[in-house]
Protein backbone atom coordinates (compact mmCIF):
# COMPACT_ATOMS: atom_id res chain seq x y z
CA MET A 1 112.61 171.90 -55.31
CA LYS A 2 110.22 174.83 -55.14
CA ILE A 3 107.99 174.66 -52.11
CA ASN A 4 104.31 175.01 -52.69
CA PRO A 5 102.58 176.72 -49.74
CA ILE A 6 99.44 174.58 -50.09
CA LEU A 7 101.44 171.33 -50.17
CA LEU A 8 103.47 172.61 -47.24
CA GLU A 9 100.27 172.89 -45.22
CA VAL A 10 99.22 169.45 -46.40
CA PHE A 11 102.47 167.87 -45.25
CA LYS A 12 102.48 169.74 -41.89
CA ASN A 13 99.01 168.30 -41.12
CA ARG A 14 99.97 164.81 -42.32
CA PHE A 15 103.12 164.52 -40.18
CA VAL A 16 101.32 165.82 -37.11
CA SER A 17 98.34 163.52 -37.73
CA ILE A 18 100.71 160.48 -38.04
CA SER A 19 102.16 161.40 -34.60
CA GLU A 20 98.65 161.79 -33.18
CA GLU A 21 97.60 158.41 -34.61
CA MET A 22 100.69 156.81 -33.01
CA GLY A 23 99.48 158.31 -29.74
CA VAL A 24 95.93 156.93 -30.14
CA THR A 25 97.43 153.43 -30.73
CA LEU A 26 99.59 153.69 -27.68
CA ASN A 27 96.76 155.10 -25.58
CA ARG A 28 94.24 152.42 -26.51
CA THR A 29 96.51 149.42 -26.34
CA ALA A 30 98.44 150.18 -23.16
CA PHE A 31 97.71 148.31 -19.92
CA SER A 32 98.50 150.87 -17.20
CA PRO A 33 96.18 153.67 -16.05
CA ASN A 34 99.20 155.97 -16.26
CA ILE A 35 99.16 155.62 -20.08
CA LYS A 36 95.55 154.69 -20.70
CA GLU A 37 94.00 157.39 -18.46
CA ARG A 38 96.59 160.02 -17.80
CA ARG A 39 98.16 159.79 -21.30
CA ASP A 40 101.70 160.25 -19.98
CA PHE A 41 103.45 159.69 -23.32
CA SER A 42 104.63 161.46 -26.44
CA CYS A 43 105.01 160.39 -30.09
CA ALA A 44 107.06 162.05 -32.82
CA ILE A 45 108.61 161.68 -36.33
CA PHE A 46 112.24 162.36 -37.12
CA ASP A 47 114.31 162.73 -40.34
CA GLU A 48 117.27 160.54 -41.26
CA ASN A 49 119.57 162.50 -38.95
CA GLY A 50 117.32 162.20 -35.93
CA ASP A 51 116.03 165.79 -36.09
CA MET A 52 112.41 166.08 -35.09
CA ILE A 53 109.97 166.94 -37.95
CA ALA A 54 106.75 166.96 -35.95
CA GLN A 55 105.31 165.84 -32.61
CA ALA A 56 101.68 165.51 -31.53
CA ALA A 57 100.50 167.81 -28.70
CA HIS A 58 101.68 165.47 -25.99
CA ILE A 59 104.17 166.12 -23.10
CA PRO A 60 106.33 169.25 -23.27
CA VAL A 61 109.12 167.84 -21.15
CA HIS A 62 109.64 165.25 -23.92
CA LEU A 63 109.88 167.90 -26.70
CA GLY A 64 113.56 168.66 -26.74
CA SER A 65 114.80 165.52 -25.19
CA MET A 66 113.38 162.79 -27.41
CA PRO A 67 115.51 163.75 -30.40
CA MET A 68 118.57 163.19 -28.24
CA SER A 69 117.36 159.63 -27.50
CA VAL A 70 116.76 159.03 -31.21
CA LYS A 71 120.30 160.26 -32.11
CA SER A 72 121.71 158.04 -29.30
CA ALA A 73 119.94 155.08 -30.85
CA ILE A 74 121.38 155.92 -34.29
CA GLU A 75 124.90 156.32 -32.87
CA ASN A 76 124.92 153.20 -30.68
CA VAL A 77 122.99 150.52 -32.56
CA ASP A 78 123.41 149.09 -36.07
CA LEU A 79 119.72 149.33 -37.13
CA LYS A 80 118.22 147.08 -39.79
CA ASP A 81 114.80 147.05 -41.32
CA GLY A 82 112.36 145.62 -38.79
CA ASP A 83 114.42 146.65 -35.71
CA MET A 84 113.45 148.82 -32.81
CA VAL A 85 115.61 150.27 -30.01
CA ILE A 86 114.70 150.70 -26.37
CA LEU A 87 116.41 153.09 -23.92
CA ASN A 88 115.79 155.24 -20.87
CA ASP A 89 119.31 156.43 -19.84
CA PRO A 90 119.04 160.09 -18.85
CA TYR A 91 122.68 160.51 -19.73
CA LYS A 92 122.04 159.25 -23.32
CA GLY A 93 119.17 161.54 -24.17
CA GLY A 94 116.56 160.39 -21.64
CA THR A 95 114.88 162.35 -18.89
CA HIS A 96 114.44 160.04 -15.89
CA LEU A 97 114.29 156.26 -15.74
CA PRO A 98 110.48 155.74 -15.78
CA ASP A 99 110.37 157.47 -19.14
CA VAL A 100 111.17 154.70 -21.61
CA THR A 101 111.69 155.51 -25.30
CA ILE A 102 111.32 153.03 -28.21
CA VAL A 103 112.78 154.11 -31.57
CA ALA A 104 112.13 152.56 -34.95
CA PRO A 105 113.81 153.23 -38.33
CA VAL A 106 111.81 153.66 -41.52
CA PHE A 107 113.85 152.33 -44.48
CA LEU A 108 111.34 152.60 -47.33
CA GLY A 109 113.29 150.14 -49.45
CA GLN A 110 116.58 152.12 -49.08
CA GLU A 111 119.90 150.98 -47.66
CA LYS A 112 119.72 153.48 -44.80
CA PRO A 113 116.81 154.74 -42.70
CA GLN A 114 114.99 157.66 -44.35
CA PHE A 115 112.99 158.55 -41.29
CA PHE A 116 112.52 157.46 -37.65
CA VAL A 117 109.45 157.22 -35.49
CA ALA A 118 109.68 157.11 -31.71
CA ASN A 119 107.51 157.28 -28.62
CA ARG A 120 108.21 157.83 -24.94
CA ALA A 121 105.99 156.65 -22.08
CA HIS A 122 106.22 156.98 -18.36
CA HIS A 123 106.09 153.54 -16.76
CA ALA A 124 104.56 153.34 -13.25
CA ASP A 125 107.53 151.23 -12.11
CA ILE A 126 111.00 150.54 -13.56
CA GLY A 127 112.54 149.02 -10.45
CA GLY A 128 114.74 150.80 -7.98
CA MET A 129 114.60 151.41 -4.20
CA THR A 130 110.95 152.44 -3.87
CA ALA A 131 107.67 151.37 -5.48
CA GLY A 132 106.90 153.63 -8.45
CA SER A 133 110.58 154.41 -9.19
CA MET A 134 110.41 158.06 -8.02
CA PRO A 135 112.60 157.81 -4.90
CA LEU A 136 114.34 160.18 -2.60
CA SER A 137 117.59 158.90 -4.10
CA THR A 138 121.19 160.08 -3.95
CA SER A 139 122.42 158.18 -7.04
CA ILE A 140 120.81 157.13 -10.35
CA PHE A 141 121.63 153.56 -9.47
CA GLN A 142 118.96 153.67 -6.75
CA GLU A 143 116.25 154.77 -9.16
CA GLY A 144 115.72 151.73 -11.27
CA LEU A 145 116.88 149.89 -14.38
CA ILE A 146 119.21 151.94 -16.59
CA ILE A 147 118.57 150.82 -20.14
CA PRO A 148 121.24 151.82 -22.73
CA PRO A 149 120.24 151.73 -26.44
CA LEU A 150 119.46 148.05 -27.08
CA LYS A 151 117.32 146.25 -29.71
CA ILE A 152 113.97 145.28 -28.25
CA VAL A 153 112.71 144.23 -31.68
CA GLU A 154 114.90 142.54 -34.29
CA LYS A 155 113.70 141.62 -37.79
CA GLY A 156 110.11 142.27 -36.64
CA GLU A 157 110.27 140.02 -33.60
CA ILE A 158 110.53 141.01 -29.89
CA VAL A 159 113.89 140.11 -28.42
CA GLU A 160 112.65 137.76 -25.73
CA PRO A 161 115.81 137.52 -23.57
CA LEU A 162 115.87 141.30 -23.19
CA MET A 163 112.09 141.48 -22.49
CA LYS A 164 112.40 138.74 -19.84
CA PHE A 165 115.30 140.58 -18.25
CA LEU A 166 113.40 143.83 -18.10
CA LEU A 167 110.28 142.23 -16.67
CA ASN A 168 112.32 140.33 -14.08
CA ASN A 169 113.46 143.62 -12.59
CA VAL A 170 110.22 145.50 -12.14
CA ARG A 171 107.43 145.23 -9.55
CA THR A 172 104.55 144.94 -12.05
CA PRO A 173 105.84 142.81 -14.97
CA TYR A 174 102.43 142.02 -16.52
CA GLU A 175 101.57 145.73 -16.75
CA ARG A 176 105.00 146.65 -18.03
CA GLU A 177 104.93 144.01 -20.74
CA GLY A 178 101.58 145.36 -21.91
CA ASP A 179 102.87 148.92 -22.02
CA PHE A 180 106.15 147.98 -23.82
CA THR A 181 104.10 146.08 -26.47
CA ALA A 182 101.78 149.09 -26.88
CA GLN A 183 104.84 151.28 -27.52
CA ILE A 184 106.05 148.87 -30.21
CA MET A 185 102.59 148.86 -31.83
CA ALA A 186 102.54 152.69 -31.84
CA ASN A 187 105.76 152.72 -33.78
CA MET A 188 104.38 150.16 -36.22
CA THR A 189 101.44 152.51 -36.88
CA GLY A 190 103.86 155.35 -37.59
CA ILE A 191 105.95 153.25 -40.00
CA LYS A 192 102.85 152.15 -41.88
CA ARG A 193 101.53 155.69 -42.30
CA ILE A 194 104.89 157.01 -43.54
CA GLU A 195 105.09 154.22 -46.03
CA GLU A 196 101.61 155.25 -47.26
CA LEU A 197 102.62 158.90 -47.44
CA VAL A 198 105.71 158.09 -49.54
CA ALA A 199 103.66 155.75 -51.75
CA GLY A 200 101.39 158.64 -52.54
CA TYR A 201 103.90 161.45 -53.08
CA GLY A 202 107.26 159.90 -53.64
CA LEU A 203 110.28 159.74 -51.29
CA ASP A 204 112.05 162.86 -52.59
CA MET A 205 108.96 165.08 -52.20
CA VAL A 206 108.16 163.79 -48.69
CA LYS A 207 111.81 164.37 -47.58
CA ASN A 208 111.97 167.80 -49.16
CA TYR A 209 108.76 168.93 -47.48
CA ALA A 210 109.95 167.48 -44.17
CA THR A 211 112.94 169.78 -44.39
CA ALA A 212 110.72 172.66 -45.47
CA ILE A 213 108.51 172.20 -42.42
CA MET A 214 111.57 172.55 -40.14
CA ASP A 215 112.71 175.58 -42.06
CA TYR A 216 109.21 177.14 -41.79
CA SER A 217 109.13 176.67 -37.99
CA GLU A 218 112.56 178.36 -37.76
CA LYS A 219 111.35 181.30 -39.92
CA ILE A 220 108.22 181.83 -37.78
CA LEU A 221 110.18 181.76 -34.50
CA LYS A 222 112.78 184.21 -35.85
CA SER A 223 110.01 186.53 -36.86
CA ARG A 224 108.58 186.31 -33.35
CA LEU A 225 111.97 186.97 -31.73
CA LYS A 226 112.20 190.26 -33.66
CA ASP A 227 109.20 191.40 -31.53
CA ILE A 228 111.23 191.17 -28.38
CA PRO A 229 113.30 194.26 -27.61
CA ASN A 230 117.00 193.60 -27.96
CA GLY A 231 118.69 193.35 -24.57
CA THR A 232 119.67 191.08 -21.68
CA TYR A 233 116.96 189.94 -19.18
CA LYS A 234 117.74 188.12 -15.95
CA PHE A 235 115.67 186.24 -13.42
CA GLU A 236 116.18 183.79 -10.64
CA ASP A 237 113.95 181.52 -8.44
CA TYR A 238 114.46 178.74 -6.03
CA MET A 239 113.74 175.06 -5.56
CA ASP A 240 112.46 174.33 -2.06
CA ASP A 241 114.98 171.63 -1.31
CA ASP A 242 116.45 168.39 -2.64
CA GLY A 243 114.68 166.15 -0.10
CA ILE A 244 117.98 165.09 1.50
CA ASP A 245 120.13 167.85 3.02
CA ARG A 246 119.91 171.00 0.84
CA GLU A 247 117.40 173.84 0.89
CA LYS A 248 116.92 176.94 -1.32
CA ILE A 249 118.58 175.84 -4.62
CA LYS A 250 118.94 178.70 -7.03
CA ILE A 251 118.12 178.44 -10.69
CA ALA A 252 119.17 181.61 -12.54
CA VAL A 253 118.92 182.51 -16.23
CA GLN A 254 120.20 185.33 -18.47
CA ILE A 255 118.41 185.70 -21.79
CA THR A 256 120.13 187.88 -24.41
CA VAL A 257 118.03 188.83 -27.42
CA ASP A 258 119.82 190.07 -30.60
CA ASP A 259 117.27 190.59 -33.42
CA ASP A 260 116.18 187.06 -34.45
CA ASN A 261 118.64 185.11 -32.32
CA VAL A 262 118.71 184.47 -28.58
CA VAL A 263 121.24 183.13 -26.06
CA VAL A 264 119.86 181.44 -22.96
CA ASP A 265 122.51 181.14 -20.23
CA PHE A 266 122.06 179.19 -16.95
CA SER A 267 125.68 179.43 -15.89
CA GLU A 268 124.91 181.07 -12.62
CA THR A 269 122.65 178.25 -11.44
CA ASP A 270 123.63 176.29 -8.31
CA ASP A 271 125.64 173.09 -8.43
CA GLN A 272 123.95 169.74 -8.66
CA VAL A 273 122.74 168.36 -5.32
CA LYS A 274 122.65 165.06 -3.50
CA GLY A 275 118.89 164.62 -3.83
CA SER A 276 117.02 163.60 -7.00
CA VAL A 277 116.03 167.06 -8.30
CA ASN A 278 118.99 167.24 -10.64
CA ALA A 279 118.08 167.74 -14.29
CA VAL A 280 120.11 166.50 -17.24
CA TYR A 281 120.85 168.72 -20.16
CA SER A 282 117.99 167.28 -22.31
CA ILE A 283 115.42 168.39 -19.76
CA THR A 284 116.67 171.96 -19.74
CA LEU A 285 116.66 171.94 -23.50
CA SER A 286 113.03 170.75 -23.45
CA ALA A 287 112.05 173.55 -21.12
CA VAL A 288 113.72 176.17 -23.32
CA LEU A 289 112.03 174.80 -26.43
CA TYR A 290 108.65 174.76 -24.68
CA VAL A 291 108.93 178.37 -23.50
CA PHE A 292 109.97 179.81 -26.89
CA ARG A 293 107.41 177.64 -28.72
CA SER A 294 104.74 179.13 -26.45
CA LEU A 295 105.61 182.67 -27.65
CA VAL A 296 104.61 181.70 -31.22
CA LYS A 297 100.98 182.39 -31.92
CA ASP A 298 100.96 180.65 -35.30
CA GLU A 299 99.93 177.05 -35.76
CA ILE A 300 103.26 175.46 -36.47
CA PRO A 301 104.68 171.94 -35.79
CA THR A 302 107.03 171.70 -32.81
CA ASN A 303 110.30 170.56 -34.45
CA ALA A 304 114.04 170.98 -34.68
CA GLY A 305 113.70 174.22 -36.61
CA LEU A 306 112.58 175.98 -33.45
CA LEU A 307 115.93 175.33 -31.78
CA ARG A 308 118.07 176.83 -34.57
CA PRO A 309 117.86 180.49 -33.44
CA ILE A 310 118.56 179.54 -29.78
CA ILE A 311 121.93 178.97 -28.16
CA LEU A 312 121.67 177.22 -24.80
CA LYS A 313 124.50 177.64 -22.31
CA THR A 314 124.71 175.59 -19.12
CA ARG A 315 127.42 174.68 -16.65
CA LYS A 316 128.21 171.03 -16.44
CA GLY A 317 127.74 169.77 -12.93
CA SER A 318 124.93 172.26 -12.18
CA ILE A 319 121.41 171.34 -11.26
CA VAL A 320 120.22 172.03 -14.84
CA ASP A 321 123.09 170.00 -16.47
CA ALA A 322 123.88 167.23 -14.00
CA LYS A 323 126.89 164.86 -14.31
CA PHE A 324 126.64 161.11 -14.01
CA PRO A 325 125.79 159.40 -11.61
CA ALA A 326 123.64 162.11 -10.08
CA SER A 327 120.08 161.20 -9.08
CA VAL A 328 117.57 162.66 -11.49
CA ALA A 329 114.08 161.17 -10.80
CA GLY A 330 112.65 164.52 -9.75
CA GLY A 331 114.64 166.71 -12.09
CA ASN A 332 112.39 165.76 -15.05
CA VAL A 333 109.16 166.61 -13.19
CA GLU A 334 110.02 169.32 -10.67
CA THR A 335 113.18 171.15 -11.80
CA SER A 336 111.76 171.39 -15.30
CA GLN A 337 108.88 173.37 -13.95
CA ARG A 338 111.18 175.80 -12.13
CA ILE A 339 113.34 176.25 -15.24
CA VAL A 340 110.16 177.34 -17.06
CA ASP A 341 109.35 179.74 -14.17
CA VAL A 342 112.70 181.55 -14.42
CA LEU A 343 112.58 181.66 -18.26
CA LEU A 344 109.13 183.24 -18.16
CA GLY A 345 110.21 185.54 -15.33
CA ALA A 346 113.08 186.82 -17.42
CA LEU A 347 110.88 187.27 -20.55
CA SER A 348 108.28 189.12 -18.53
CA LYS A 349 110.78 191.98 -18.24
CA ALA A 350 110.88 192.20 -22.06
CA LEU A 351 107.26 191.47 -22.70
CA PRO A 352 105.46 192.67 -19.58
CA ASN A 353 101.94 192.32 -20.95
CA GLU A 354 102.41 188.99 -22.70
CA ILE A 355 103.88 186.72 -19.99
CA PRO A 356 101.65 185.27 -17.27
CA ALA A 357 102.45 185.06 -13.63
CA ALA A 358 103.87 181.79 -12.27
CA SER A 359 101.68 178.71 -12.37
CA GLN A 360 101.81 176.14 -9.64
CA GLY A 361 105.39 175.18 -10.55
CA THR A 362 105.24 171.50 -9.51
CA MET A 363 103.82 168.29 -10.69
CA ASN A 364 102.94 167.07 -7.16
CA ASN A 365 104.27 163.57 -7.85
CA ILE A 366 102.92 160.75 -5.73
CA THR A 367 103.69 157.05 -5.91
CA ILE A 368 101.93 154.43 -3.87
CA GLY A 369 102.95 150.71 -4.03
CA GLY A 370 102.65 147.44 -2.22
CA ILE A 371 100.91 144.08 -2.35
CA ASP A 372 97.17 144.25 -3.16
CA GLU A 373 95.33 142.16 -0.56
CA ARG A 374 92.51 141.53 -3.02
CA ASN A 375 94.69 139.36 -5.30
CA ASP A 376 98.04 139.06 -3.59
CA GLN A 377 99.68 140.94 -6.52
CA PRO A 378 102.09 143.86 -6.50
CA PHE A 379 100.68 147.27 -7.59
CA THR A 380 102.26 150.60 -8.25
CA TYR A 381 100.29 153.83 -8.62
CA TYR A 382 101.77 157.03 -10.01
CA GLU A 383 100.05 160.36 -10.32
CA THR A 384 100.91 163.98 -11.08
CA ILE A 385 98.32 166.35 -9.72
CA GLY A 386 97.29 169.70 -11.30
CA GLY A 387 97.10 173.04 -9.69
CA GLY A 388 96.51 176.75 -10.45
CA MET A 389 97.76 178.61 -13.58
CA GLY A 390 99.07 182.13 -13.26
CA GLY A 391 96.99 185.09 -14.14
CA CYS A 392 97.83 187.13 -17.18
CA SER A 393 97.24 190.64 -18.54
CA PHE A 394 93.69 189.86 -19.82
CA ALA A 395 92.32 186.86 -17.86
CA ASN A 396 92.32 185.02 -14.49
CA GLY A 397 94.42 181.87 -14.37
CA GLU A 398 92.70 178.51 -14.93
CA SER A 399 92.00 176.42 -11.74
CA ALA A 400 92.86 172.78 -11.20
CA VAL A 401 94.75 172.03 -14.40
CA HIS A 402 98.15 170.68 -15.41
CA SER A 403 100.45 173.38 -16.73
CA HIS A 404 103.73 173.94 -18.51
CA MET A 405 106.02 170.92 -18.67
CA THR A 406 103.27 168.43 -18.05
CA ASN A 407 100.28 167.89 -20.34
CA THR A 408 98.75 164.78 -18.75
CA LEU A 409 95.23 164.16 -17.63
CA ASN A 410 94.26 163.01 -14.10
CA THR A 411 93.53 159.44 -13.16
CA PRO A 412 89.73 159.41 -12.89
CA VAL A 413 88.47 158.42 -9.47
CA GLU A 414 86.60 155.47 -10.89
CA ALA A 415 89.70 154.11 -12.67
CA LEU A 416 91.90 154.68 -9.53
CA GLU A 417 89.50 152.89 -7.21
CA PHE A 418 88.88 150.02 -9.65
CA THR A 419 92.57 149.38 -10.26
CA TYR A 420 94.18 150.00 -6.84
CA PRO A 421 93.35 149.32 -3.18
CA MET A 422 92.48 152.94 -2.45
CA MET A 423 89.51 155.18 -1.96
CA VAL A 424 89.39 158.82 -3.02
CA GLU A 425 87.60 160.75 -0.18
CA GLU A 426 87.93 164.19 -1.63
CA TYR A 427 88.78 165.67 -5.05
CA SER A 428 88.01 169.33 -5.25
CA ILE A 429 89.21 172.81 -6.10
CA ARG A 430 91.32 174.41 -3.32
CA LYS A 431 89.37 177.58 -2.90
CA ASP A 432 91.21 180.95 -2.64
CA SER A 433 94.63 179.46 -3.24
CA GLY A 434 95.29 181.57 -6.33
CA GLY A 435 97.17 184.81 -5.87
CA LYS A 436 95.13 188.03 -5.79
CA GLY A 437 95.53 190.70 -8.44
CA ARG A 438 93.72 192.54 -11.17
CA PHE A 439 93.57 189.05 -12.71
CA LYS A 440 93.81 186.37 -9.98
CA GLY A 441 95.75 183.15 -10.16
CA GLY A 442 93.91 179.91 -10.63
CA ASP A 443 93.18 177.75 -7.62
CA GLY A 444 94.90 174.45 -6.82
CA ILE A 445 93.48 171.00 -6.12
CA VAL A 446 92.68 169.02 -3.01
CA ARG A 447 93.10 165.25 -3.44
CA GLN A 448 92.59 163.01 -0.39
CA ILE A 449 93.20 159.29 -0.68
CA ARG A 450 92.50 156.61 1.93
CA LEU A 451 94.61 153.43 1.69
CA LEU A 452 92.70 150.16 1.77
CA ASN A 453 95.75 148.10 2.57
CA ASP A 454 99.36 148.78 3.84
CA ALA A 455 101.48 150.60 1.26
CA GLU A 456 104.70 152.58 0.68
CA VAL A 457 104.14 156.20 -0.26
CA THR A 458 106.66 158.57 -1.88
CA MET A 459 106.04 162.15 -2.75
CA LEU A 460 108.20 164.57 -4.77
CA THR A 461 106.66 168.00 -4.72
CA GLU A 462 107.74 171.63 -4.89
CA ARG A 463 106.32 175.07 -4.09
CA ARG A 464 105.82 174.11 -0.45
CA ARG A 465 108.19 176.84 0.75
CA PHE A 466 108.59 179.27 -2.15
CA SER A 467 105.23 180.34 -3.55
CA PRO A 468 104.46 180.86 -7.23
CA TYR A 469 105.30 184.41 -7.97
CA GLY A 470 102.85 187.18 -9.06
CA LEU A 471 103.64 189.73 -11.75
CA ASN A 472 103.12 193.51 -12.16
CA GLY A 473 101.84 193.88 -8.59
CA GLY A 474 99.97 190.60 -8.44
CA GLU A 475 100.24 188.55 -5.23
CA PRO A 476 101.90 185.10 -5.13
CA GLY A 477 99.82 181.95 -5.13
CA LYS A 478 99.37 179.91 -2.02
CA SER A 479 102.03 177.25 -1.50
CA GLY A 480 101.07 173.59 -1.33
CA GLU A 481 100.75 171.27 1.59
CA ASN A 482 101.20 167.48 2.09
CA ILE A 483 99.40 165.96 5.07
CA ILE A 484 99.18 162.41 6.51
CA ILE A 485 96.24 161.55 8.64
CA SER A 486 96.71 158.42 10.81
CA ASN A 487 94.35 157.43 13.63
CA GLY A 488 92.65 160.80 13.30
CA GLU A 489 95.88 162.75 13.81
CA LYS A 490 97.10 165.09 11.16
CA LYS A 491 100.80 165.44 10.43
CA LYS A 492 102.15 168.04 8.00
CA MET A 493 104.82 166.41 5.83
CA PRO A 494 107.71 167.95 3.94
CA GLY A 495 107.64 168.47 0.19
CA LYS A 496 109.59 165.28 -0.39
CA PHE A 497 109.19 162.17 1.75
CA ASN A 498 108.99 158.41 1.78
CA ILE A 499 106.89 156.62 4.36
CA ASN A 500 105.27 153.18 4.99
CA LEU A 501 101.65 153.62 5.90
CA LYS A 502 98.91 151.28 7.28
CA LYS A 503 95.50 150.30 5.99
CA GLY A 504 93.12 153.17 6.71
CA ASP A 505 95.74 155.92 6.70
CA ILE A 506 95.02 159.01 4.59
CA ILE A 507 97.20 161.07 2.25
CA ARG A 508 95.96 164.63 1.62
CA ILE A 509 97.56 166.77 -1.04
CA GLU A 510 96.73 170.46 -1.37
CA THR A 511 98.38 171.83 -4.51
CA PRO A 512 99.60 175.35 -5.12
CA GLY A 513 97.60 178.19 -6.72
CA GLY A 514 98.93 180.33 -9.50
CA GLY A 515 100.29 183.82 -9.08
CA GLY A 516 98.11 186.88 -9.61
CA PHE A 517 98.73 189.47 -12.38
CA GLY A 518 98.53 193.24 -11.78
CA LYS A 519 97.52 195.15 -8.67
CA SER A 520 94.08 194.36 -7.36
CA GLU A 521 91.54 197.15 -8.05
CA VAL A 522 89.71 196.45 -4.74
């Protein structure tokens, strides 16, 4: 079939808009602030093979990994019309256990699925050793429920025994049930819209243009890769620690560009560690996809075509390709950020005026949980906190924003205080935390929370020892700090910790600033 450029644009917009509408459904029907307010979810459409056609502008760390979950569902479950599959296993295409994916086939009257729709949402608790399921663990078995690909919906009905089992193993079952149901409804929205699309254009045309969209994305990325001088570019940076017994963990990359193809090699990266900062392969793939997608200036859908010119090499058993049963809760959120930092650092040697200095390089994860004295019910609060973006060759970095592998919003103070037994005492920009330079790095954030009843607190944060780097003579951003204030006494905490606090105690998080770009003219 000859591809019409105008129709190609029409189908690109339609597939993306369907993903976006799925996201609106999920956002507006979910129960938890983590999904309603922070929008910690992603929605996408896939072809019959599980290759991604389009994704809404949701969470980058989900970009390359969700297709692996879809393919795992296809391989492990005999799907019928009206079925949906739930899974979160990081070693079967997931990221970490709180990220739960629900996959639905779209049959369109055919014997086999012609498309798939899927969404992934971060649940504020999925069981495990600490409230919020982001523990300082040493094994994945400590991190929560591991859900293999299983039918959560069969013939259009929720599989009640499985739902009851899931809800019986989490701290906040009412909230989880609401969020699971919202994910199911999001997929139903996607199925309905694809059915309408096919009714209007015919199945053959829709499938042909879905393929053409992926081919188009591949073509655009290959054209962009030709702008990068051929050669091999290396960079390395370090994780602060694993929260258990290891410090200064190296992540090293070698990028080899050959015309319109590229090899990304992480083989020299350190071995996986005891603590939970190990990343599975799908996370590393997501970071690679994100970085090379960010090089493209054209408006193109993020899809499987973007990965065709890229060969990713890792070493099994390393921190960027962990082996089961390594703990991985922090790999998704923290190690993914450092993978981006080293990829951009390497590319800055090839494109010195196009790559920004390092952004904050952490998601500053905090979970707080306990029994709410107001209603005697369990609660779990999860938040990632923004920081400074790196300066670039033509502008200062943005202050107080999420960057790179996270694309969430914050939990508004009003929503946080209404939902949880906490009071936000300060929420401000951390002045002068961005690195100096011709273009300075953006400033971080100060978030200070007072507990209104006893609670368990866990933090997984980075860039507390190794600051975000500057480029071309720019200075590094200021590293972050975690502080506990109890009975008026301040105590500086490590980057990763778990602690039981009392009513009235205060947690203060000061997030890193971004690196500066270029030598300061003053």
